[in-house]
Amino acid sequence: MEFVIGPVLALLLGMKFTDYKCKEAAKKAEATLVENNTQISQQTLKLLMPMAKSVTAINNQLGL
């Protein structure tokens, strides 16, 4: 009887631990993704604002 209960118990504990670790990793990945998206948006704005201002200035000079 012990030959059956031991491996089954180990399998159940291993599955529970794996599920716990996967959920924990998913939370970390989601937080990292949100942070990266925020940083990319800010960097894109920093790069595009001078160009947008220059295009606006050129349009004003041309009378558009």
C-alpha atoms as a PDB file:
ATOM      1  CA  MET A   1       0.000   0.000   0.000  1.00  0.00           C
ATOM      2  CA  GLU A   2       2.871   2.382   0.812  1.00  0.00           C
ATOM      3  CA  PHE A   3       4.261   1.806  -2.671  1.00  0.00           C
ATOM      4  CA  VAL A   4       1.165   3.447  -4.156  1.00  0.00           C
ATOM      5  CA  ILE A   5       0.493   6.250  -1.679  1.00  0.00           C
ATOM      6  CA  GLY A   6       4.042   7.659  -1.672  1.00  0.00           C
ATOM      7  CA  PRO A   7       4.382   8.340  -5.408  1.00  0.00           C
ATOM      8  CA  VAL A   8       0.803   9.607  -5.702  1.00  0.00           C
ATOM      9  CA  LEU A   9       1.346  11.999  -2.804  1.00  0.00           C
ATOM     10  CA  ALA A  10       4.641  13.179  -4.309  1.00  0.00           C
ATOM     11  CA  LEU A  11       2.942  13.728  -7.669  1.00  0.00           C
ATOM     12  CA  LEU A  12       0.147  15.787  -6.102  1.00  0.00           C
ATOM     13  CA  LEU A  13       2.572  17.918  -4.121  1.00  0.00           C
ATOM     14  CA  GLY A  14       4.731  18.445  -7.205  1.00  0.00           C
ATOM     15  CA  MET A  15       1.728  19.513  -9.271  1.00  0.00           C
ATOM     16  CA  LYS A  16       0.613  21.957  -6.572  1.00  0.00           C
ATOM     17  CA  PHE A  17       4.114  23.440  -6.331  1.00  0.00           C
ATOM     18  CA  THR A  18       4.349  23.784 -10.110  1.00  0.00           C
ATOM     19  CA  ASP A  19       0.977  25.534 -10.245  1.00  0.00           C
ATOM     20  CA  TYR A  20       2.052  27.932  -7.489  1.00  0.00           C
ATOM     21  CA  LYS A  21       5.333  28.770  -9.249  1.00  0.00           C
ATOM     22  CA  CYS A  22       3.599  29.290 -12.613  1.00  0.00           C
ATOM     23  CA  LYS A  23       1.097  31.722 -11.111  1.00  0.00           C
ATOM     24  CA  GLU A  24       3.886  33.602  -9.351  1.00  0.00           C
ATOM     25  CA  ALA A  25       5.913  33.852 -12.565  1.00  0.00           C
ATOM     26  CA  ALA A  26       2.857  35.080 -14.479  1.00  0.00           C
ATOM     27  CA  LYS A  27       2.340  37.911 -11.986  1.00  0.00           C
ATOM     28  CA  LYS A  28       5.993  38.962 -12.303  1.00  0.00           C
ATOM     29  CA  ALA A  29       5.831  38.819 -16.086  1.00  0.00           C
ATOM     30  CA  GLU A  30       2.680  40.950 -16.157  1.00  0.00           C
ATOM     31  CA  ALA A  31       4.247  43.585 -13.904  1.00  0.00           C
ATOM     32  CA  THR A  32       7.368  43.668 -16.075  1.00  0.00           C
ATOM     33  CA  LEU A  33       5.276  43.985 -19.224  1.00  0.00           C
ATOM     34  CA  VAL A  34       3.338  46.958 -17.853  1.00  0.00           C
ATOM     35  CA  GLU A  35       6.566  48.659 -16.777  1.00  0.00           C
ATOM     36  CA  ASN A  36       8.195  48.088 -20.169  1.00  0.00           C
ATOM     37  CA  ASN A  37       5.154  49.441 -22.019  1.00  0.00           C
ATOM     38  CA  THR A  38       5.199  52.586 -19.899  1.00  0.00           C
ATOM     39  CA  GLN A  39       8.907  53.147 -20.522  1.00  0.00           C
ATOM     40  CA  ILE A  40       8.580  52.569 -24.258  1.00  0.00           C
ATOM     41  CA  SER A  41       5.691  55.027 -24.486  1.00  0.00           C
ATOM     42  CA  GLN A  42       7.670  57.699 -22.660  1.00  0.00           C
ATOM     43  CA  GLN A  43      10.761  57.165 -24.806  1.00  0.00           C
ATOM     44  CA  THR A  44       8.712  57.306 -27.996  1.00  0.00           C
ATOM     45  CA  LEU A  45       7.177  60.610 -26.936  1.00  0.00           C
ATOM     46  CA  LYS A  46      10.620  62.006 -26.128  1.00  0.00           C
ATOM     47  CA  LEU A  47      11.837  61.058 -29.598  1.00  0.00           C
ATOM     48  CA  LEU A  48       8.812  62.241 -31.558  1.00  0.00           C
ATOM     49  CA  MET A  49       8.077  65.579 -29.842  1.00  0.00           C
ATOM     50  CA  PRO A  50      11.019  67.509 -31.373  1.00  0.00           C
ATOM     51  CA  MET A  51      10.162  66.168 -34.811  1.00  0.00           C
ATOM     52  CA  ALA A  52       6.499  67.094 -34.409  1.00  0.00           C
ATOM     53  CA  LYS A  53       7.470  70.603 -33.323  1.00  0.00           C
ATOM     54  CA  SER A  54       9.769  70.944 -36.344  1.00  0.00           C
ATOM     55  CA  VAL A  55       7.042  69.800 -38.727  1.00  0.00           C
ATOM     56  CA  THR A  56       4.628  72.283 -37.157  1.00  0.00           C
ATOM     57  CA  ALA A  57       7.182  75.080 -37.559  1.00  0.00           C
ATOM     58  CA  ILE A  58       7.752  74.175 -41.212  1.00  0.00           C
ATOM     59  CA  ASN A  59       4.010  74.108 -41.856  1.00  0.00           C
ATOM     60  CA  ASN A  60       3.658  77.544 -40.278  1.00  0.00           C
ATOM     61  CA  GLN A  61       6.455  78.922 -42.459  1.00  0.00           C
ATOM     62  CA  LEU A  62       4.847  77.487 -45.567  1.00  0.00           C
ATOM     63  CA  GLY A  63       1.428  78.746 -44.577  1.00  0.00           C
ATOM     64  CA  LEU A  64      -0.208  75.334 -44.308  1.00  0.00           C
END
